[in-house]
Amino acid sequence: WGGAHPFSLLDYTIVHNGEISSYDANRRFIEMFGYKCNLLTDTEVITYIVDYLHRRLGMPLEDVAKVIASPFWNELDSGKFSPEEEEKIRHFRNVYSSLLITGPFSIILGYTNGIMALND
């Protein structure tokens, strides 16, 4: 067992704190695209999700955040988001539902050009 923190892949390093209850769904989805979860840790799966969405699909990190730490459905109806942003988030919630990270969590993503923090 390699431990949980940090986990690095190419340009990404992830540390997180929390209990990822969506681990099995996240792992099964990401393994369909050739990722092998050898350490069987939440941190490994989160790193692979970021790599898949950002590097393989070319999704901006801002949108990656909307996939893995998406607002709750009721927030989308609150008027907090522009109609375009609301539509984008709804699309991500539907298309990438198996990549939504659930459970209490805080995630720090370090990469060459900066750092990003996400939480539930």
PDB file of N, CA and C in Angstrom:
ATOM      1  N   TRP A   1       0.851  -1.170   0.000  1.00  0.00           N
ATOM      2  CA  TRP A   1       0.000   0.000   0.000  1.00  0.00           C
ATOM      3  C   TRP A   1       0.890   1.225   0.000  1.00  0.00           C
ATOM      4  N   GLY A   2       0.619   2.147  -0.901  1.00  0.00           N
ATOM      5  CA  GLY A   2       1.475   3.304  -1.078  1.00  0.00           C
ATOM      6  C   GLY A   2       1.072   4.514  -0.272  1.00  0.00           C
ATOM      7  N   GLY A   3       0.017   4.424   0.504  1.00  0.00           N
ATOM      8  CA  GLY A   3      -0.438   5.580   1.259  1.00  0.00           C
ATOM      9  C   GLY A   3      -1.353   6.456   0.421  1.00  0.00           C
ATOM     10  N   ALA A   4      -1.990   7.382   1.062  1.00  0.00           N
ATOM     11  CA  ALA A   4      -3.016   8.160   0.386  1.00  0.00           C
ATOM     12  C   ALA A   4      -2.546   9.517  -0.115  1.00  0.00           C
ATOM     13  N   HIS A   5      -1.598  10.149   0.555  1.00  0.00           N
ATOM     14  CA  HIS A   5      -1.281  11.533   0.218  1.00  0.00           C
ATOM     15  C   HIS A   5       0.207  11.742   0.092  1.00  0.00           C
ATOM     16  N   PRO A   6       0.656  12.626  -0.730  1.00  0.00           N
ATOM     17  CA  PRO A   6      -0.075  13.110  -1.908  1.00  0.00           C
ATOM     18  C   PRO A   6      -0.005  12.065  -3.011  1.00  0.00           C
ATOM     19  N   PHE A   7      -0.797  12.272  -4.043  1.00  0.00           N
ATOM     20  CA  PHE A   7      -0.729  11.402  -5.215  1.00  0.00           C
ATOM     21  C   PHE A   7      -0.445  12.294  -6.411  1.00  0.00           C
ATOM     22  N   SER A   8       0.569  11.933  -7.193  1.00  0.00           N
ATOM     23  CA  SER A   8       0.973  12.748  -8.342  1.00  0.00           C
ATOM     24  C   SER A   8       0.885  11.951  -9.623  1.00  0.00           C
ATOM     25  N   LEU A   9       0.529  12.639 -10.689  1.00  0.00           N
ATOM     26  CA  LEU A   9       0.492  12.069 -12.029  1.00  0.00           C
ATOM     27  C   LEU A   9       0.780  13.203 -13.002  1.00  0.00           C
ATOM     28  N   LEU A  10       1.856  13.063 -13.757  1.00  0.00           N
ATOM     29  CA  LEU A  10       2.252  14.082 -14.726  1.00  0.00           C
ATOM     30  C   LEU A  10       2.316  15.442 -14.048  1.00  0.00           C
ATOM     31  N   ASP A  11       1.430  16.367 -14.422  1.00  0.00           N
ATOM     32  CA  ASP A  11       1.467  17.736 -13.915  1.00  0.00           C
ATOM     33  C   ASP A  11       0.593  17.949 -12.679  1.00  0.00           C
ATOM     34  N   TYR A  12      -0.069  16.907 -12.190  1.00  0.00           N
ATOM     35  CA  TYR A  12      -1.043  17.074 -11.116  1.00  0.00           C
ATOM     36  C   TYR A  12      -0.563  16.413  -9.832  1.00  0.00           C
ATOM     37  N   THR A  13      -0.755  17.105  -8.738  1.00  0.00           N
ATOM     38  CA  THR A  13      -0.562  16.509  -7.420  1.00  0.00           C
ATOM     39  C   THR A  13      -1.799  16.823  -6.598  1.00  0.00           C
ATOM     40  N   ILE A  14      -2.356  15.791  -5.994  1.00  0.00           N
ATOM     41  CA  ILE A  14      -3.598  15.916  -5.232  1.00  0.00           C
ATOM     42  C   ILE A  14      -3.356  15.505  -3.789  1.00  0.00           C
ATOM     43  N   VAL A  15      -3.893  16.285  -2.875  1.00  0.00           N
ATOM     44  CA  VAL A  15      -4.072  15.866  -1.487  1.00  0.00           C
ATOM     45  C   VAL A  15      -5.531  16.137  -1.155  1.00  0.00           C
ATOM     46  N   HIS A  16      -6.071  15.320  -0.280  1.00  0.00           N
ATOM     47  CA  HIS A  16      -7.463  15.560   0.103  1.00  0.00           C
ATOM     48  C   HIS A  16      -7.700  15.089   1.526  1.00  0.00           C
ATOM     49  N   ASN A  17      -8.735  15.612   2.098  1.00  0.00           N
ATOM     50  CA  ASN A  17      -9.186  15.191   3.407  1.00  0.00           C
ATOM     51  C   ASN A  17     -10.679  14.958   3.304  1.00  0.00           C
ATOM     52  N   GLY A  18     -11.131  13.868   3.845  1.00  0.00           N
ATOM     53  CA  GLY A  18     -12.556  13.607   3.830  1.00  0.00           C
ATOM     54  C   GLY A  18     -12.861  12.148   3.584  1.00  0.00           C
ATOM     55  N   GLU A  19     -14.116  11.883   3.439  1.00  0.00           N
ATOM     56  CA  GLU A  19     -14.634  10.540   3.234  1.00  0.00           C
ATOM     57  C   GLU A  19     -15.378  10.540   1.910  1.00  0.00           C
ATOM     58  N   ILE A  20     -14.766   9.975   0.875  1.00  0.00           N
ATOM     59  CA  ILE A  20     -15.355   9.987  -0.464  1.00  0.00           C
ATOM     60  C   ILE A  20     -16.287   8.786  -0.602  1.00  0.00           C
ATOM     61  N   SER A  21     -17.574   9.012  -0.410  1.00  0.00           N
ATOM     62  CA  SER A  21     -18.534   7.906  -0.477  1.00  0.00           C
ATOM     63  C   SER A  21     -18.793   7.450  -1.907  1.00  0.00           C
ATOM     64  N   SER A  22     -18.411   8.251  -2.879  1.00  0.00           N
ATOM     65  CA  SER A  22     -18.625   7.898  -4.290  1.00  0.00           C
ATOM     66  C   SER A  22     -17.440   7.141  -4.885  1.00  0.00           C
ATOM     67  N   TYR A  23     -16.496   6.719  -4.052  1.00  0.00           N
ATOM     68  CA  TYR A  23     -15.261   6.091  -4.534  1.00  0.00           C
ATOM     69  C   TYR A  23     -15.525   4.967  -5.534  1.00  0.00           C
ATOM     70  N   ASP A  24     -16.401   4.029  -5.218  1.00  0.00           N
ATOM     71  CA  ASP A  24     -16.618   2.879  -6.109  1.00  0.00           C
ATOM     72  C   ASP A  24     -17.153   3.305  -7.469  1.00  0.00           C
ATOM     73  N   ALA A  25     -18.124   4.196  -7.492  1.00  0.00           N
ATOM     74  CA  ALA A  25     -18.670   4.676  -8.775  1.00  0.00           C
ATOM     75  C   ALA A  25     -17.601   5.444  -9.547  1.00  0.00           C
ATOM     76  N   ASN A  26     -16.842   6.282  -8.851  1.00  0.00           N
ATOM     77  CA  ASN A  26     -15.762   7.042  -9.497  1.00  0.00           C
ATOM     78  C   ASN A  26     -14.713   6.099 -10.082  1.00  0.00           C
ATOM     79  N   ARG A  27     -14.306   5.098  -9.298  1.00  0.00           N
ATOM     80  CA  ARG A  27     -13.278   4.149  -9.740  1.00  0.00           C
ATOM     81  C   ARG A  27     -13.755   3.332 -10.937  1.00  0.00           C
ATOM     82  N   ARG A  28     -14.968   2.811 -10.873  1.00  0.00           N
ATOM     83  CA  ARG A  28     -15.483   2.008 -11.994  1.00  0.00           C
ATOM     84  C   ARG A  28     -15.539   2.830 -13.275  1.00  0.00           C
ATOM     85  N   PHE A  29     -15.971   4.072 -13.186  1.00  0.00           N
ATOM     86  CA  PHE A  29     -16.052   4.921 -14.377  1.00  0.00           C
ATOM     87  C   PHE A  29     -14.667   5.161 -14.960  1.00  0.00           C
ATOM     88  N   ILE A  30     -13.730   5.557 -14.128  1.00  0.00           N
ATOM     89  CA  ILE A  30     -12.410   5.942 -14.627  1.00  0.00           C
ATOM     90  C   ILE A  30     -11.651   4.735 -15.172  1.00  0.00           C
ATOM     91  N   GLU A  31     -11.881   3.552 -14.614  1.00  0.00           N
ATOM     92  CA  GLU A  31     -11.215   2.346 -15.117  1.00  0.00           C
ATOM     93  C   GLU A  31     -11.695   1.961 -16.513  1.00  0.00           C
ATOM     94  N   MET A  32     -12.878   2.416 -16.911  1.00  0.00           N
ATOM     95  CA  MET A  32     -13.360   2.154 -18.275  1.00  0.00           C
ATOM     96  C   MET A  32     -12.492   2.853 -19.318  1.00  0.00           C
ATOM     97  N   PHE A  33     -11.705   3.830 -18.902  1.00  0.00           N
ATOM     98  CA  PHE A  33     -10.877   4.603 -19.821  1.00  0.00           C
ATOM     99  C   PHE A  33      -9.391   4.281 -19.671  1.00  0.00           C
ATOM    100  N   GLY A  34      -9.099   3.090 -19.133  1.00  0.00           N
ATOM    101  CA  GLY A  34      -7.734   2.590 -19.095  1.00  0.00           C
ATOM    102  C   GLY A  34      -6.931   2.902 -17.851  1.00  0.00           C
ATOM    103  N   TYR A  35      -7.508   3.617 -16.904  1.00  0.00           N
ATOM    104  CA  TYR A  35      -6.793   3.904 -15.664  1.00  0.00           C
ATOM    105  C   TYR A  35      -6.855   2.668 -14.765  1.00  0.00           C
ATOM    106  N   LYS A  36      -5.743   2.334 -14.141  1.00  0.00           N
ATOM    107  CA  LYS A  36      -5.669   1.213 -13.208  1.00  0.00           C
ATOM    108  C   LYS A  36      -5.485   1.766 -11.800  1.00  0.00           C
ATOM    109  N   CYS A  37      -6.425   1.492 -10.950  1.00  0.00           N
ATOM    110  CA  CYS A  37      -6.362   1.976  -9.571  1.00  0.00           C
ATOM    111  C   CYS A  37      -5.620   0.947  -8.726  1.00  0.00           C
ATOM    112  N   ASN A  38      -4.312   1.053  -8.699  1.00  0.00           N
ATOM    113  CA  ASN A  38      -3.462   0.084  -8.010  1.00  0.00           C
ATOM    114  C   ASN A  38      -3.419   0.281  -6.501  1.00  0.00           C
ATOM    115  N   LEU A  39      -3.438   1.520  -6.053  1.00  0.00           N
ATOM    116  CA  LEU A  39      -3.343   1.792  -4.617  1.00  0.00           C
ATOM    117  C   LEU A  39      -4.696   1.728  -3.927  1.00  0.00           C
ATOM    118  N   LEU A  40      -5.763   1.806  -4.712  1.00  0.00           N
ATOM    119  CA  LEU A  40      -7.129   1.739  -4.196  1.00  0.00           C
ATOM    120  C   LEU A  40      -7.406   2.821  -3.159  1.00  0.00           C
ATOM    121  N   THR A  41      -6.922   4.040  -3.442  1.00  0.00           N
ATOM    122  CA  THR A  41      -7.169   5.164  -2.538  1.00  0.00           C
ATOM    123  C   THR A  41      -8.035   6.215  -3.227  1.00  0.00           C
ATOM    124  N   ASP A  42      -8.747   6.965  -2.414  1.00  0.00           N
ATOM    125  CA  ASP A  42      -9.554   8.070  -2.929  1.00  0.00           C
ATOM    126  C   ASP A  42      -8.692   9.056  -3.705  1.00  0.00           C
ATOM    127  N   THR A  43      -7.517   9.352  -3.169  1.00  0.00           N
ATOM    128  CA  THR A  43      -6.643  10.351  -3.768  1.00  0.00           C
ATOM    129  C   THR A  43      -6.200   9.935  -5.163  1.00  0.00           C
ATOM    130  N   GLU A  44      -5.903   8.656  -5.338  1.00  0.00           N
ATOM    131  CA  GLU A  44      -5.516   8.143  -6.651  1.00  0.00           C
ATOM    132  C   GLU A  44      -6.653   8.344  -7.652  1.00  0.00           C
ATOM    133  N   VAL A  45      -7.864   8.005  -7.263  1.00  0.00           N
ATOM    134  CA  VAL A  45      -9.014   8.133  -8.165  1.00  0.00           C
ATOM    135  C   VAL A  45      -9.280   9.593  -8.509  1.00  0.00           C
ATOM    136  N   ILE A  46      -9.196  10.479  -7.533  1.00  0.00           N
ATOM    137  CA  ILE A  46      -9.405  11.906  -7.797  1.00  0.00           C
ATOM    138  C   ILE A  46      -8.381  12.408  -8.815  1.00  0.00           C
ATOM    139  N   THR A  47      -7.130  11.995  -8.654  1.00  0.00           N
ATOM    140  CA  THR A  47      -6.076  12.410  -9.585  1.00  0.00           C
ATOM    141  C   THR A  47      -6.369  11.918 -10.992  1.00  0.00           C
ATOM    142  N   TYR A  48      -6.803  10.677 -11.125  1.00  0.00           N
ATOM    143  CA  TYR A  48      -7.139  10.134 -12.443  1.00  0.00           C
ATOM    144  C   TYR A  48      -8.336  10.858 -13.058  1.00  0.00           C
ATOM    145  N   ILE A  49      -9.306  11.238 -12.241  1.00  0.00           N
ATOM    146  CA  ILE A  49     -10.464  11.985 -12.746  1.00  0.00           C
ATOM    147  C   ILE A  49     -10.002  13.328 -13.318  1.00  0.00           C
ATOM    148  N   VAL A  50      -9.155  14.028 -12.570  1.00  0.00           N
ATOM    149  CA  VAL A  50      -8.639  15.316 -13.049  1.00  0.00           C
ATOM    150  C   VAL A  50      -7.873  15.121 -14.350  1.00  0.00           C
ATOM    151  N   ASP A  51      -7.018  14.107 -14.410  1.00  0.00           N
ATOM    152  CA  ASP A  51      -6.248  13.842 -15.625  1.00  0.00           C
ATOM    153  C   ASP A  51      -7.170  13.534 -16.803  1.00  0.00           C
ATOM    154  N   TYR A  52      -8.160  12.697 -16.582  1.00  0.00           N
ATOM    155  CA  TYR A  52      -9.093  12.326 -17.654  1.00  0.00           C
ATOM    156  C   TYR A  52      -9.825  13.555 -18.200  1.00  0.00           C
ATOM    157  N   LEU A  53     -10.396  14.344 -17.314  1.00  0.00           N
ATOM    158  CA  LEU A  53     -11.181  15.497 -17.753  1.00  0.00           C
ATOM    159  C   LEU A  53     -10.303  16.599 -18.343  1.00  0.00           C
ATOM    160  N   HIS A  54      -9.189  16.900 -17.690  1.00  0.00           N
ATOM    161  CA  HIS A  54      -8.362  18.035 -18.108  1.00  0.00           C
ATOM    162  C   HIS A  54      -7.442  17.693 -19.280  1.00  0.00           C
ATOM    163  N   ARG A  55      -6.646  16.649 -19.121  1.00  0.00           N
ATOM    164  CA  ARG A  55      -5.659  16.335 -20.166  1.00  0.00           C
ATOM    165  C   ARG A  55      -6.284  15.589 -21.339  1.00  0.00           C
ATOM    166  N   ARG A  56      -7.032  14.539 -21.048  1.00  0.00           N
ATOM    167  CA  ARG A  56      -7.571  13.726 -22.143  1.00  0.00           C
ATOM    168  C   ARG A  56      -8.724  14.405 -22.876  1.00  0.00           C
ATOM    169  N   LEU A  57      -9.645  15.012 -22.125  1.00  0.00           N
ATOM    170  CA  LEU A  57     -10.798  15.653 -22.772  1.00  0.00           C
ATOM    171  C   LEU A  57     -10.566  17.127 -23.068  1.00  0.00           C
ATOM    172  N   GLY A  58      -9.518  17.716 -22.509  1.00  0.00           N
ATOM    173  CA  GLY A  58      -9.223  19.123 -22.762  1.00  0.00           C
ATOM    174  C   GLY A  58     -10.121  20.096 -22.024  1.00  0.00           C
ATOM    175  N   MET A  59     -10.743  19.655 -20.951  1.00  0.00           N
ATOM    176  CA  MET A  59     -11.658  20.498 -20.183  1.00  0.00           C
ATOM    177  C   MET A  59     -10.854  21.470 -19.313  1.00  0.00           C
ATOM    178  N   PRO A  60     -11.202  22.756 -19.325  1.00  0.00           N
ATOM    179  CA  PRO A  60     -10.522  23.708 -18.437  1.00  0.00           C
ATOM    180  C   PRO A  60     -10.696  23.297 -16.965  1.00  0.00           C
ATOM    181  N   LEU A  61      -9.703  23.604 -16.143  1.00  0.00           N
ATOM    182  CA  LEU A  61      -9.777  23.216 -14.733  1.00  0.00           C
ATOM    183  C   LEU A  61     -10.995  23.805 -14.034  1.00  0.00           C
ATOM    184  N   GLU A  62     -11.421  24.980 -14.442  1.00  0.00           N
ATOM    185  CA  GLU A  62     -12.629  25.574 -13.861  1.00  0.00           C
ATOM    186  C   GLU A  62     -13.836  24.665 -14.084  1.00  0.00           C
ATOM    187  N   ASP A  63     -13.919  24.057 -15.261  1.00  0.00           N
ATOM    188  CA  ASP A  63     -15.017  23.132 -15.544  1.00  0.00           C
ATOM    189  C   ASP A  63     -14.818  21.788 -14.856  1.00  0.00           C
ATOM    190  N   VAL A  64     -13.567  21.355 -14.729  1.00  0.00           N
ATOM    191  CA  VAL A  64     -13.288  20.125 -13.976  1.00  0.00           C
ATOM    192  C   VAL A  64     -13.854  20.266 -12.565  1.00  0.00           C
ATOM    193  N   ALA A  65     -13.664  21.433 -11.969  1.00  0.00           N
ATOM    194  CA  ALA A  65     -14.196  21.689 -10.628  1.00  0.00           C
ATOM    195  C   ALA A  65     -15.713  21.569 -10.604  1.00  0.00           C
ATOM    196  N   LYS A  66     -16.372  22.015 -11.664  1.00  0.00           N
ATOM    197  CA  LYS A  66     -17.835  21.937 -11.729  1.00  0.00           C
ATOM    198  C   LYS A  66     -18.326  20.499 -11.874  1.00  0.00           C
ATOM    199  N   VAL A  67     -17.480  19.629 -12.419  1.00  0.00           N
ATOM    200  CA  VAL A  67     -17.837  18.214 -12.543  1.00  0.00           C
ATOM    201  C   VAL A  67     -17.664  17.508 -11.206  1.00  0.00           C
ATOM    202  N   ILE A  68     -16.494  17.643 -10.591  1.00  0.00           N
ATOM    203  CA  ILE A  68     -16.212  16.833  -9.406  1.00  0.00           C
ATOM    204  C   ILE A  68     -16.749  17.438  -8.110  1.00  0.00           C
ATOM    205  N   ALA A  69     -16.956  18.742  -8.075  1.00  0.00           N
ATOM    206  CA  ALA A  69     -17.494  19.405  -6.882  1.00  0.00           C
ATOM    207  C   ALA A  69     -18.669  20.281  -7.298  1.00  0.00           C
ATOM    208  N   SER A  70     -19.597  19.670  -7.976  1.00  0.00           N
ATOM    209  CA  SER A  70     -20.735  20.386  -8.556  1.00  0.00           C
ATOM    210  C   SER A  70     -21.672  20.944  -7.486  1.00  0.00           C
ATOM    211  N   PRO A  71     -22.295  22.076  -7.774  1.00  0.00           N
ATOM    212  CA  PRO A  71     -23.312  22.592  -6.853  1.00  0.00           C
ATOM    213  C   PRO A  71     -24.477  21.606  -6.735  1.00  0.00           C
ATOM    214  N   PHE A  72     -25.180  21.673  -5.619  1.00  0.00           N
ATOM    215  CA  PHE A  72     -26.375  20.852  -5.453  1.00  0.00           C
ATOM    216  C   PHE A  72     -27.429  21.272  -6.469  1.00  0.00           C
ATOM    217  N   TRP A  73     -28.318  20.342  -6.811  1.00  0.00           N
ATOM    218  CA  TRP A  73     -29.374  20.631  -7.788  1.00  0.00           C
ATOM    219  C   TRP A  73     -30.192  21.853  -7.370  1.00  0.00           C
ATOM    220  N   ASN A  74     -30.550  21.958  -6.088  1.00  0.00           N
ATOM    221  CA  ASN A  74     -31.398  23.079  -5.662  1.00  0.00           C
ATOM    222  C   ASN A  74     -30.689  24.425  -5.793  1.00  0.00           C
ATOM    223  N   GLU A  75     -29.358  24.429  -5.783  1.00  0.00           N
ATOM    224  CA  GLU A  75     -28.615  25.673  -6.000  1.00  0.00           C
ATOM    225  C   GLU A  75     -28.760  26.161  -7.436  1.00  0.00           C
ATOM    226  N   LEU A  76     -28.969  25.229  -8.360  1.00  0.00           N
ATOM    227  CA  LEU A  76     -29.106  25.614  -9.765  1.00  0.00           C
ATOM    228  C   LEU A  76     -30.404  26.368 -10.014  1.00  0.00           C
ATOM    229  N   ASP A  77     -31.386  26.145  -9.177  1.00  0.00           N
ATOM    230  CA  ASP A  77     -32.673  26.827  -9.323  1.00  0.00           C
ATOM    231  C   ASP A  77     -32.749  28.114  -8.508  1.00  0.00           C
ATOM    232  N   SER A  78     -31.658  28.486  -7.856  1.00  0.00           N
ATOM    233  CA  SER A  78     -31.690  29.617  -6.927  1.00  0.00           C
ATOM    234  C   SER A  78     -31.473  30.973  -7.590  1.00  0.00           C
ATOM    235  N   GLY A  79     -31.103  30.984  -8.865  1.00  0.00           N
ATOM    236  CA  GLY A  79     -30.789  32.237  -9.533  1.00  0.00           C
ATOM    237  C   GLY A  79     -29.355  32.681  -9.316  1.00  0.00           C
ATOM    238  N   LYS A  80     -28.565  31.864  -8.646  1.00  0.00           N
ATOM    239  CA  LYS A  80     -27.165  32.178  -8.341  1.00  0.00           C
ATOM    240  C   LYS A  80     -26.290  32.173  -9.591  1.00  0.00           C
ATOM    241  N   PHE A  81     -26.687  31.387 -10.602  1.00  0.00           N
ATOM    242  CA  PHE A  81     -25.890  31.223 -11.815  1.00  0.00           C
ATOM    243  C   PHE A  81     -26.600  31.841 -13.011  1.00  0.00           C
ATOM    244  N   SER A  82     -25.814  32.302 -13.971  1.00  0.00           N
ATOM    245  CA  SER A  82     -26.408  32.790 -15.222  1.00  0.00           C
ATOM    246  C   SER A  82     -27.071  31.607 -15.920  1.00  0.00           C
ATOM    247  N   PRO A  83     -28.024  31.864 -16.820  1.00  0.00           N
ATOM    248  CA  PRO A  83     -28.662  30.756 -17.539  1.00  0.00           C
ATOM    249  C   PRO A  83     -27.659  29.872 -18.282  1.00  0.00           C
ATOM    250  N   GLU A  84     -26.633  30.478 -18.859  1.00  0.00           N
ATOM    251  CA  GLU A  84     -25.621  29.698 -19.584  1.00  0.00           C
ATOM    252  C   GLU A  84     -24.826  28.809 -18.633  1.00  0.00           C
ATOM    253  N   GLU A  85     -24.439  29.378 -17.496  1.00  0.00           N
ATOM    254  CA  GLU A  85     -23.669  28.619 -16.504  1.00  0.00           C
ATOM    255  C   GLU A  85     -24.522  27.498 -15.914  1.00  0.00           C
ATOM    256  N   GLU A  86     -25.776  27.798 -15.633  1.00  0.00           N
ATOM    257  CA  GLU A  86     -26.691  26.780 -15.109  1.00  0.00           C
ATOM    258  C   GLU A  86     -26.835  25.626 -16.102  1.00  0.00           C
ATOM    259  N   GLU A  87     -26.984  25.948 -17.376  1.00  0.00           N
ATOM    260  CA  GLU A  87     -27.107  24.911 -18.404  1.00  0.00           C
ATOM    261  C   GLU A  87     -25.842  24.058 -18.479  1.00  0.00           C
ATOM    262  N   LYS A  88     -24.684  24.695 -18.396  1.00  0.00           N
ATOM    263  CA  LYS A  88     -23.409  23.968 -18.436  1.00  0.00           C
ATOM    264  C   LYS A  88     -23.296  23.007 -17.249  1.00  0.00           C
ATOM    265  N   ILE A  89     -23.629  23.491 -16.057  1.00  0.00           N
ATOM    266  CA  ILE A  89     -23.531  22.652 -14.861  1.00  0.00           C
ATOM    267  C   ILE A  89     -24.518  21.493 -14.938  1.00  0.00           C
ATOM    268  N   ARG A  90     -25.732  21.754 -15.400  1.00  0.00           N
ATOM    269  CA  ARG A  90     -26.709  20.665 -15.567  1.00  0.00           C
ATOM    270  C   ARG A  90     -26.191  19.620 -16.553  1.00  0.00           C
ATOM    271  N   HIS A  91     -25.585  20.083 -17.632  1.00  0.00           N
ATOM    272  CA  HIS A  91     -25.000  19.166 -18.618  1.00  0.00           C
ATOM    273  C   HIS A  91     -23.919  18.305 -17.957  1.00  0.00           C
ATOM    274  N   PHE A  92     -23.013  18.931 -17.230  1.00  0.00           N
ATOM    275  CA  PHE A  92     -21.952  18.183 -16.549  1.00  0.00           C
ATOM    276  C   PHE A  92     -22.534  17.191 -15.548  1.00  0.00           C
ATOM    277  N   ARG A  93     -23.542  17.609 -14.781  1.00  0.00           N
ATOM    278  CA  ARG A  93     -24.147  16.711 -13.781  1.00  0.00           C
ATOM    279  C   ARG A  93     -24.750  15.483 -14.446  1.00  0.00           C
ATOM    280  N   ASN A  94     -25.312  15.645 -15.633  1.00  0.00           N
ATOM    281  CA  ASN A  94     -25.925  14.516 -16.334  1.00  0.00           C
ATOM    282  C   ASN A  94     -24.899  13.640 -17.042  1.00  0.00           C
ATOM    283  N   VAL A  95     -23.975  14.246 -17.764  1.00  0.00           N
ATOM    284  CA  VAL A  95     -23.010  13.482 -18.563  1.00  0.00           C
ATOM    285  C   VAL A  95     -21.945  12.824 -17.686  1.00  0.00           C
ATOM    286  N   TYR A  96     -21.485  13.520 -16.668  1.00  0.00           N
ATOM    287  CA  TYR A  96     -20.381  13.030 -15.846  1.00  0.00           C
ATOM    288  C   TYR A  96     -20.828  12.701 -14.420  1.00  0.00           C
ATOM    289  N   SER A  97     -22.040  12.220 -14.263  1.00  0.00           N
ATOM    290  CA  SER A  97     -22.566  11.952 -12.920  1.00  0.00           C
ATOM    291  C   SER A  97     -21.701  10.966 -12.134  1.00  0.00           C
ATOM    292  N   SER A  98     -21.060  10.030 -12.812  1.00  0.00           N
ATOM    293  CA  SER A  98     -20.212   9.050 -12.114  1.00  0.00           C
ATOM    294  C   SER A  98     -18.874   9.634 -11.669  1.00  0.00           C
ATOM    295  N   LEU A  99     -18.585  10.863 -12.055  1.00  0.00           N
ATOM    296  CA  LEU A  99     -17.344  11.518 -11.625  1.00  0.00           C
ATOM    297  C   LEU A  99     -17.584  12.552 -10.528  1.00  0.00           C
ATOM    298  N   LEU A 100     -18.837  12.752 -10.165  1.00  0.00           N
ATOM    299  CA  LEU A 100     -19.164  13.655  -9.063  1.00  0.00           C
ATOM    300  C   LEU A 100     -18.642  13.042  -7.764  1.00  0.00           C
ATOM    301  N   ILE A 101     -17.883  13.799  -7.021  1.00  0.00           N
ATOM    302  CA  ILE A 101     -17.349  13.317  -5.751  1.00  0.00           C
ATOM    303  C   ILE A 101     -18.341  13.685  -4.659  1.00  0.00           C
ATOM    304  N   THR A 102     -18.759  12.677  -3.909  1.00  0.00           N
ATOM    305  CA  THR A 102     -19.732  12.909  -2.842  1.00  0.00           C
ATOM    306  C   THR A 102     -19.131  12.516  -1.499  1.00  0.00           C
ATOM    307  N   GLY A 103     -19.673  13.112  -0.475  1.00  0.00           N
ATOM    308  CA  GLY A 103     -19.167  12.921   0.875  1.00  0.00           C
ATOM    309  C   GLY A 103     -18.477  14.197   1.314  1.00  0.00           C
ATOM    310  N   PRO A 104     -18.211  14.333   2.587  1.00  0.00           N
ATOM    311  CA  PRO A 104     -17.501  15.531   3.045  1.00  0.00           C
ATOM    312  C   PRO A 104     -16.042  15.481   2.594  1.00  0.00           C
ATOM    313  N   PHE A 105     -15.590  16.538   1.924  1.00  0.00           N
ATOM    314  CA  PHE A 105     -14.214  16.525   1.425  1.00  0.00           C
ATOM    315  C   PHE A 105     -13.668  17.930   1.222  1.00  0.00           C
ATOM    316  N   SER A 106     -12.350  17.994   1.258  1.00  0.00           N
ATOM    317  CA  SER A 106     -11.575  19.150   0.816  1.00  0.00           C
ATOM    318  C   SER A 106     -10.453  18.596  -0.043  1.00  0.00           C
ATOM    319  N   ILE A 107     -10.233  19.212  -1.191  1.00  0.00           N
ATOM    320  CA  ILE A 107      -9.229  18.741  -2.141  1.00  0.00           C
ATOM    321  C   ILE A 107      -8.326  19.913  -2.509  1.00  0.00           C
ATOM    322  N   ILE A 108      -7.029  19.658  -2.536  1.00  0.00           N
ATOM    323  CA  ILE A 108      -6.063  20.627  -3.044  1.00  0.00           C
ATOM    324  C   ILE A 108      -5.418  20.010  -4.274  1.00  0.00           C
ATOM    325  N   LEU A 109      -5.476  20.725  -5.388  1.00  0.00           N
ATOM    326  CA  LEU A 109      -4.844  20.303  -6.635  1.00  0.00           C
ATOM    327  C   LEU A 109      -3.704  21.264  -6.928  1.00  0.00           C
ATOM    328  N   GLY A 110      -2.503  20.730  -6.979  1.00  0.00           N
ATOM    329  CA  GLY A 110      -1.351  21.525  -7.384  1.00  0.00           C
ATOM    330  C   GLY A 110      -0.972  21.160  -8.803  1.00  0.00           C
ATOM    331  N   TYR A 111      -0.604  22.150  -9.583  1.00  0.00           N
ATOM    332  CA  TYR A 111      -0.180  21.923 -10.963  1.00  0.00           C
ATOM    333  C   TYR A 111       0.831  23.012 -11.315  1.00  0.00           C
ATOM    334  N   THR A 112       1.480  22.876 -12.463  1.00  0.00           N
ATOM    335  CA  THR A 112       2.580  23.769 -12.819  1.00  0.00           C
ATOM    336  C   THR A 112       2.210  25.244 -12.703  1.00  0.00           C
ATOM    337  N   ASN A 113       1.022  25.612 -13.132  1.00  0.00           N
ATOM    338  CA  ASN A 113       0.645  27.025 -13.166  1.00  0.00           C
ATOM    339  C   ASN A 113      -0.113  27.511 -11.944  1.00  0.00           C
ATOM    340  N   GLY A 114      -0.252  26.671 -10.922  1.00  0.00           N
ATOM    341  CA  GLY A 114      -0.970  27.158  -9.761  1.00  0.00           C
ATOM    342  C   GLY A 114      -1.463  26.082  -8.829  1.00  0.00           C
ATOM    343  N   ILE A 115      -2.475  26.470  -8.079  1.00  0.00           N
ATOM    344  CA  ILE A 115      -3.078  25.588  -7.093  1.00  0.00           C
ATOM    345  C   ILE A 115      -4.577  25.867  -7.080  1.00  0.00           C
ATOM    346  N   MET A 116      -5.363  24.841  -6.846  1.00  0.00           N
ATOM    347  CA  MET A 116      -6.812  24.997  -6.812  1.00  0.00           C
ATOM    348  C   MET A 116      -7.344  24.241  -5.599  1.00  0.00           C
ATOM    349  N   ALA A 117      -8.279  24.831  -4.891  1.00  0.00           N
ATOM    350  CA  ALA A 117      -8.905  24.196  -3.736  1.00  0.00           C
ATOM    351  C   ALA A 117     -10.374  23.944  -4.041  1.00  0.00           C
ATOM    352  N   LEU A 118     -10.854  22.772  -3.665  1.00  0.00           N
ATOM    353  CA  LEU A 118     -12.256  22.396  -3.848  1.00  0.00           C
ATOM    354  C   LEU A 118     -12.778  21.838  -2.536  1.00  0.00           C
ATOM    355  N   ASN A 119     -14.043  22.058  -2.286  1.00  0.00           N
ATOM    356  CA  ASN A 119     -14.662  21.387  -1.141  1.00  0.00           C
ATOM    357  C   ASN A 119     -16.119  21.119  -1.442  1.00  0.00           C
ATOM    358  N   ASP A 120     -16.685  20.306  -0.578  1.00  0.00           N
ATOM    359  CA  ASP A 120     -18.087  19.970  -0.769  1.00  0.00           C
ATOM    360  C   ASP A 120     -18.916  21.148  -0.341  1.00  0.00           C
TER     361      ASP A 120
END
